[in-house]
Amino acid sequence: MSIDALSGPTGDAAPQASSRLAAPSRLATALRGTGHALGRSLDWRPWASFGALLLLWFAAHHFGWVERKYLPSPLDVVHRLVVEVTQGTILFDLKETLRRNLAGLVIGVAAGLALGGLLGLSGRLGKIVGPTVLAQRQTALFAWVPLLSMWFGGADPGKIAFIAVAAFQPMVVNTWRGISLVPATYRELSDVLLFSRWTYFRLVAVPSALPMIFTGLHGALIYAWLATVGSELFLNIAPGLGGRLNEGSQLFEIDLLFLAILLFGLVGLAYNTLAERAEALLVRWHAR
């Protein structure tokens, strides 16, 4: 056997061997990078907290920490969901609740944007109308229920009007504040460029005020959803998740109560997630 054979690969064989050794290393590095990227994109902590809460619910029911007539098993709630979807009216009730909520939300947000924009553009109008808007903002939300029920009745018009008032309050205040806080240099530059009031509002004021406007939109979503629940509970009973809450309370169907509450929570979470995604997209577009 030659000395070359004992000393290992030489010539062209050495690079080939080193490349074979380096390939698994590069693959491991790539896999670690992919794992880190997935870890960043998929945050496991919310799922862990949800799982812990679910386990606590199972344990409280199984070990009798809470009387079972007051706390159903999660499986009972899932079974009630299946029954409601296949034989009941829960999907129709959810649709009716969303219809009222979206109608009131659109009316309230549109009115808040319009009035907030006018107040932000006109300092004089802000001084005249602003105190009234702020006083309306300080009025407790559910204090409007008796008045609106007298004006619009307790059916859908009254419910939608109440939801619209709830969405209007945070929207008008945050839009007004966002547009009024546009830097003075932006106003001066728009005057130099001979922008019309509408062009300034569309191209300068609204993009600059987007963070405050989205803060108002988040508040409008929350308040409108709370008003949806309240209107269906306190005004005339009609198809909707609030009506099913009343039904579960009167008939002591605890699984139905939990199901309706969970659906309310899931829809509210979906609204919040959609608003955050829309805000991220628009603000990123504005930054470009």
Protein backbone atom coordinates (compact mmCIF):
# COMPACT_ATOMS: atom_id res chain seq x y z
CA MET A 1 0.00 0.00 0.00
CA SER A 2 1.38 3.41 -0.95
CA ILE A 3 1.85 6.32 1.34
CA ASP A 4 -0.77 8.26 -0.68
CA ALA A 5 -3.43 5.72 0.11
CA LEU A 6 -2.67 5.92 3.82
CA SER A 7 -2.72 9.73 3.91
CA GLY A 8 -6.25 9.97 2.44
CA PRO A 9 -7.72 11.43 -0.75
CA THR A 10 -5.48 13.63 -2.85
CA GLY A 11 -5.89 15.72 -5.97
CA ASP A 12 -9.47 15.89 -7.20
CA ALA A 13 -10.68 13.46 -4.55
CA ALA A 14 -10.03 15.91 -1.68
CA PRO A 15 -12.46 18.62 -2.83
CA GLN A 16 -15.09 16.01 -3.56
CA ALA A 17 -14.78 14.58 -0.06
CA SER A 18 -14.90 18.01 1.55
CA SER A 19 -17.97 18.92 -0.49
CA ARG A 20 -19.66 15.69 0.63
CA LEU A 21 -18.87 16.59 4.23
CA ALA A 22 -20.07 20.16 3.78
CA ALA A 23 -23.40 19.19 2.19
CA PRO A 24 -24.97 17.82 5.42
CA SER A 25 -23.70 20.89 7.25
CA ARG A 26 -25.38 23.23 4.76
CA LEU A 27 -28.57 21.17 4.92
CA ALA A 28 -28.60 21.35 8.73
CA THR A 29 -28.04 25.12 8.60
CA ALA A 30 -30.90 25.52 6.12
CA LEU A 31 -33.21 23.39 8.26
CA ARG A 32 -32.32 25.39 11.36
CA GLY A 33 -33.04 28.63 9.49
CA THR A 34 -36.38 27.28 8.30
CA GLY A 35 -37.23 26.21 11.84
CA HIS A 36 -36.38 29.65 13.20
CA ALA A 37 -38.51 31.28 10.49
CA LEU A 38 -41.46 29.02 11.25
CA GLY A 39 -41.03 29.72 14.95
CA ARG A 40 -41.20 33.44 14.28
CA SER A 41 -44.24 33.20 11.99
CA LEU A 42 -46.14 30.70 14.15
CA ASP A 43 -46.16 31.92 17.72
CA TRP A 44 -47.01 28.93 19.90
CA ARG A 45 -47.68 30.94 23.08
CA PRO A 46 -51.34 31.87 22.34
CA TRP A 47 -52.07 28.23 21.52
CA ALA A 48 -50.36 27.14 24.73
CA SER A 49 -52.49 29.51 26.81
CA PHE A 50 -55.63 28.33 25.02
CA GLY A 51 -54.66 24.70 25.65
CA ALA A 52 -54.01 25.42 29.32
CA LEU A 53 -57.42 27.07 29.66
CA LEU A 54 -59.07 24.10 27.95
CA LEU A 55 -57.31 21.66 30.28
CA LEU A 56 -58.39 23.72 33.27
CA TRP A 57 -61.97 23.62 32.00
CA PHE A 58 -61.82 19.83 31.62
CA ALA A 59 -60.32 19.46 35.09
CA ALA A 60 -62.89 21.75 36.74
CA HIS A 61 -65.70 19.71 35.21
CA HIS A 62 -64.14 16.28 35.80
CA PHE A 63 -63.13 16.84 39.44
CA GLY A 64 -66.29 18.78 40.30
CA TRP A 65 -64.58 22.03 41.29
CA VAL A 66 -67.73 23.75 39.96
CA GLU A 67 -71.18 22.19 40.10
CA ARG A 68 -71.84 20.49 36.80
CA LYS A 69 -75.18 22.20 36.34
CA TYR A 70 -73.24 25.50 36.16
CA LEU A 71 -70.26 24.28 34.12
CA PRO A 72 -70.75 21.92 31.18
CA SER A 73 -67.99 19.79 29.75
CA PRO A 74 -66.25 21.16 26.62
CA LEU A 75 -67.49 18.01 24.88
CA ASP A 76 -71.07 18.94 25.81
CA VAL A 77 -70.58 22.33 24.15
CA VAL A 78 -69.12 20.68 21.03
CA HIS A 79 -72.05 18.25 20.94
CA ARG A 80 -74.52 21.16 21.25
CA LEU A 81 -72.74 22.91 18.37
CA VAL A 82 -73.10 19.82 16.17
CA VAL A 83 -76.79 19.52 17.06
CA GLU A 84 -77.40 23.21 16.40
CA VAL A 85 -75.61 23.13 13.05
CA THR A 86 -77.36 19.97 11.84
CA GLN A 87 -80.81 20.43 13.38
CA GLY A 88 -81.01 23.85 15.02
CA THR A 89 -80.84 27.52 14.01
CA ILE A 90 -77.44 28.65 15.31
CA LEU A 91 -76.07 29.45 11.84
CA PHE A 92 -79.13 31.54 11.00
CA ASP A 93 -78.85 33.31 14.36
CA LEU A 94 -75.17 34.04 13.73
CA LYS A 95 -76.01 35.42 10.28
CA GLU A 96 -78.68 37.74 11.71
CA THR A 97 -76.32 39.00 14.41
CA LEU A 98 -73.58 39.69 11.86
CA ARG A 99 -76.04 41.43 9.54
CA ARG A 100 -77.14 43.86 12.26
CA ASN A 101 -73.60 44.40 13.44
CA LEU A 102 -72.19 45.13 9.99
CA ALA A 103 -75.07 47.45 9.08
CA GLY A 104 -74.66 49.51 12.24
CA LEU A 105 -70.87 49.42 12.00
CA VAL A 106 -70.81 50.74 8.43
CA ILE A 107 -73.25 53.56 9.26
CA GLY A 108 -71.39 54.57 12.41
CA VAL A 109 -67.90 54.40 10.90
CA ALA A 110 -68.94 56.35 7.79
CA ALA A 111 -70.62 59.06 9.87
CA GLY A 112 -67.63 59.22 12.24
CA LEU A 113 -65.16 59.53 9.36
CA ALA A 114 -67.20 62.26 7.68
CA LEU A 115 -67.78 64.39 10.78
CA GLY A 116 -64.29 63.75 12.16
CA GLY A 117 -62.79 64.83 8.86
CA LEU A 118 -64.83 68.04 8.83
CA LEU A 119 -63.89 68.86 12.42
CA GLY A 120 -60.21 68.18 11.71
CA LEU A 121 -60.13 70.32 8.59
CA SER A 122 -62.01 73.28 10.05
CA GLY A 123 -60.72 74.66 13.33
CA ARG A 124 -63.74 76.96 13.59
CA LEU A 125 -66.19 74.08 13.17
CA GLY A 126 -64.22 72.10 15.73
CA LYS A 127 -64.62 74.86 18.29
CA ILE A 128 -68.37 75.11 17.62
CA VAL A 129 -69.38 71.45 17.28
CA GLY A 130 -66.49 69.78 19.09
CA PRO A 131 -67.75 70.25 22.66
CA THR A 132 -71.09 68.67 21.73
CA VAL A 133 -69.29 65.69 20.19
CA LEU A 134 -67.13 65.28 23.29
CA ALA A 135 -70.17 65.50 25.55
CA GLN A 136 -71.88 62.79 23.50
CA ARG A 137 -68.70 60.71 23.81
CA GLN A 138 -68.87 60.91 27.61
CA THR A 139 -72.45 59.64 27.73
CA ALA A 140 -72.64 56.01 28.82
CA LEU A 141 -73.32 53.79 25.84
CA PHE A 142 -76.34 51.98 27.24
CA ALA A 143 -77.94 55.27 28.26
CA TRP A 144 -78.96 55.59 24.60
CA VAL A 145 -81.05 52.40 24.64
CA PRO A 146 -84.34 53.90 26.01
CA LEU A 147 -84.19 56.92 23.70
CA LEU A 148 -83.32 54.97 20.57
CA SER A 149 -85.97 52.34 21.33
CA MET A 150 -88.57 55.13 21.54
CA TRP A 151 -87.40 56.73 18.29
CA PHE A 152 -86.77 53.60 16.20
CA GLY A 153 -88.55 50.84 18.13
CA GLY A 154 -87.09 47.66 19.51
CA ALA A 155 -86.86 45.79 16.21
CA ASP A 156 -83.99 45.88 13.72
CA PRO A 157 -83.99 49.69 13.15
CA GLY A 158 -83.55 50.34 16.88
CA LYS A 159 -80.81 47.72 17.19
CA ILE A 160 -78.91 49.01 14.15
CA ALA A 161 -79.22 52.61 15.36
CA PHE A 162 -77.76 51.65 18.73
CA ILE A 163 -74.86 49.81 17.08
CA ALA A 164 -74.22 52.81 14.80
CA VAL A 165 -74.06 55.19 17.80
CA ALA A 166 -71.58 52.86 19.49
CA ALA A 167 -69.33 52.72 16.41
CA PHE A 168 -69.63 56.47 15.79
CA GLN A 169 -68.25 57.57 19.16
CA PRO A 170 -64.62 56.35 18.92
CA MET A 171 -64.46 56.88 15.16
CA VAL A 172 -65.33 60.57 15.16
CA VAL A 173 -63.01 61.47 18.04
CA ASN A 174 -59.96 59.64 16.68
CA THR A 175 -60.46 60.85 13.11
CA TRP A 176 -60.86 64.43 14.34
CA ARG A 177 -57.74 64.19 16.46
CA GLY A 178 -55.67 62.46 13.77
CA ILE A 179 -56.45 65.03 11.07
CA SER A 180 -56.08 68.03 13.39
CA LEU A 181 -52.58 66.80 14.38
CA VAL A 182 -51.26 66.76 10.78
CA PRO A 183 -47.98 68.77 10.88
CA ALA A 184 -48.31 72.42 9.91
CA THR A 185 -45.55 72.00 7.32
CA TYR A 186 -47.78 69.59 5.40
CA ARG A 187 -50.53 72.20 5.31
CA GLU A 188 -48.11 74.88 4.17
CA LEU A 189 -46.72 72.65 1.43
CA SER A 190 -50.20 71.83 0.17
CA ASP A 191 -50.99 75.56 0.04
CA VAL A 192 -47.83 76.17 -1.99
CA LEU A 193 -48.84 73.38 -4.39
CA LEU A 194 -52.33 74.93 -4.65
CA PHE A 195 -54.08 71.80 -3.42
CA SER A 196 -57.83 72.07 -3.07
CA ARG A 197 -59.36 71.24 0.30
CA TRP A 198 -60.51 67.85 -1.01
CA THR A 199 -57.09 67.05 -2.52
CA TYR A 200 -55.38 67.98 0.75
CA PHE A 201 -57.82 65.81 2.68
CA ARG A 202 -57.41 62.81 0.34
CA LEU A 203 -53.68 62.90 -0.34
CA VAL A 204 -52.22 64.47 2.80
CA ALA A 205 -54.55 64.50 5.81
CA VAL A 206 -56.01 60.99 5.65
CA PRO A 207 -52.70 59.16 4.96
CA SER A 208 -51.00 61.11 7.74
CA ALA A 209 -53.85 60.36 10.16
CA LEU A 210 -54.11 56.65 9.31
CA PRO A 211 -52.72 55.38 12.65
CA MET A 212 -55.26 57.43 14.63
CA ILE A 213 -58.06 56.49 12.24
CA PHE A 214 -57.29 52.81 12.72
CA THR A 215 -57.22 53.31 16.47
CA GLY A 216 -60.75 54.65 16.11
CA LEU A 217 -61.69 51.70 13.89
CA HIS A 218 -60.46 49.23 16.51
CA GLY A 219 -62.57 51.02 19.11
CA ALA A 220 -65.56 51.10 16.76
CA LEU A 221 -65.33 47.34 16.19
CA ILE A 222 -65.21 46.66 19.93
CA TYR A 223 -68.01 49.05 20.88
CA ALA A 224 -70.22 47.98 17.96
CA TRP A 225 -69.85 44.32 18.92
CA LEU A 226 -70.70 45.10 22.55
CA ALA A 227 -73.70 47.09 21.36
CA THR A 228 -74.78 44.18 19.19
CA VAL A 229 -74.82 41.89 22.21
CA GLY A 230 -76.61 44.51 24.32
CA SER A 231 -79.22 45.32 21.70
CA GLU A 232 -80.16 41.69 21.23
CA LEU A 233 -80.35 41.15 24.98
CA PHE A 234 -82.21 44.29 26.06
CA LEU A 235 -84.42 45.16 23.07
CA ASN A 236 -87.10 43.01 21.49
CA ILE A 237 -86.15 39.35 21.22
CA ALA A 238 -85.41 38.42 17.61
CA PRO A 239 -83.32 35.82 15.80
CA GLY A 240 -79.67 36.28 16.80
CA LEU A 241 -77.04 35.07 19.23
CA GLY A 242 -78.38 37.41 21.91
CA GLY A 243 -81.78 35.76 21.60
CA ARG A 244 -80.14 32.37 22.05
CA LEU A 245 -78.42 33.69 25.19
CA ASN A 246 -81.83 34.66 26.56
CA GLU A 247 -83.18 31.24 25.59
CA GLY A 248 -80.34 29.42 27.33
CA SER A 249 -80.76 31.53 30.47
CA GLN A 250 -84.54 31.07 30.69
CA LEU A 251 -84.43 27.32 29.96
CA PHE A 252 -81.22 26.80 32.00
CA GLU A 253 -79.47 25.23 29.04
CA ILE A 254 -75.93 25.90 30.18
CA ASP A 255 -74.35 24.31 27.11
CA LEU A 256 -76.24 26.72 24.85
CA LEU A 257 -75.11 29.67 26.98
CA PHE A 258 -71.46 28.63 26.70
CA LEU A 259 -71.81 28.02 22.96
CA ALA A 260 -73.28 31.48 22.32
CA ILE A 261 -70.62 33.17 24.48
CA LEU A 262 -67.83 31.32 22.66
CA LEU A 263 -69.26 32.34 19.28
CA PHE A 264 -69.42 35.96 20.40
CA GLY A 265 -65.79 35.76 21.46
CA LEU A 266 -64.60 34.09 18.26
CA VAL A 267 -66.32 36.63 16.03
CA GLY A 268 -64.87 39.50 18.06
CA LEU A 269 -61.40 37.96 17.76
CA ALA A 270 -61.85 37.58 13.99
CA TYR A 271 -62.86 41.24 13.69
CA ASN A 272 -59.81 42.36 15.64
CA THR A 273 -57.47 40.18 13.55
CA LEU A 274 -58.88 41.49 10.26
CA ALA A 275 -58.53 45.09 11.45
CA GLU A 276 -54.90 44.51 12.47
CA ARG A 277 -54.09 42.94 9.08
CA ALA A 278 -55.77 45.80 7.20
CA GLU A 279 -53.93 48.36 9.30
CA ALA A 280 -50.58 46.67 8.69
CA LEU A 281 -51.18 46.58 4.93
CA LEU A 282 -52.33 50.19 4.63
CA VAL A 283 -49.66 51.62 6.89
CA ARG A 284 -46.97 49.66 5.01
CA TRP A 285 -48.38 50.97 1.71
CA HIS A 286 -48.40 54.50 3.11
CA ALA A 287 -44.79 54.16 4.25
CA ARG A 288 -43.72 53.39 0.69
